[in-house]
Amino acid sequence: MPRELKSAEEIQAEVRRLLHETEAVRHDKAEIGVPAVTALAELDATGCNWSMMYFRNARGYSNECAWAIMQVQTKCNLRDD
């Protein structure tokens, strides 16, 4: 299935939504800062053209952050604006 093209802000918002809906983050009422989307010069091995790094206040939630990114990367690519 082809990926939807979305703006950096839309991708960031979707990662934020998924992350803050995870059981661990909800349970702890954690507020994790989601970084801006970084455009990749070339597609990665999965065909994705963006990445994210350096979440704020994410200590102990690395699995949840990785999961949220992976979920969005499988369905969205960064649109050229």
Foldseek 3Di string as FASTA:
>chain_A
DDAAEDAQVVLQVQLLVQLCPDPVCVVVVDDKAWDTKAAAPAADPLRAGIDGDDIHPCVPPPVSSVVSNVVNRNHYHYDDD
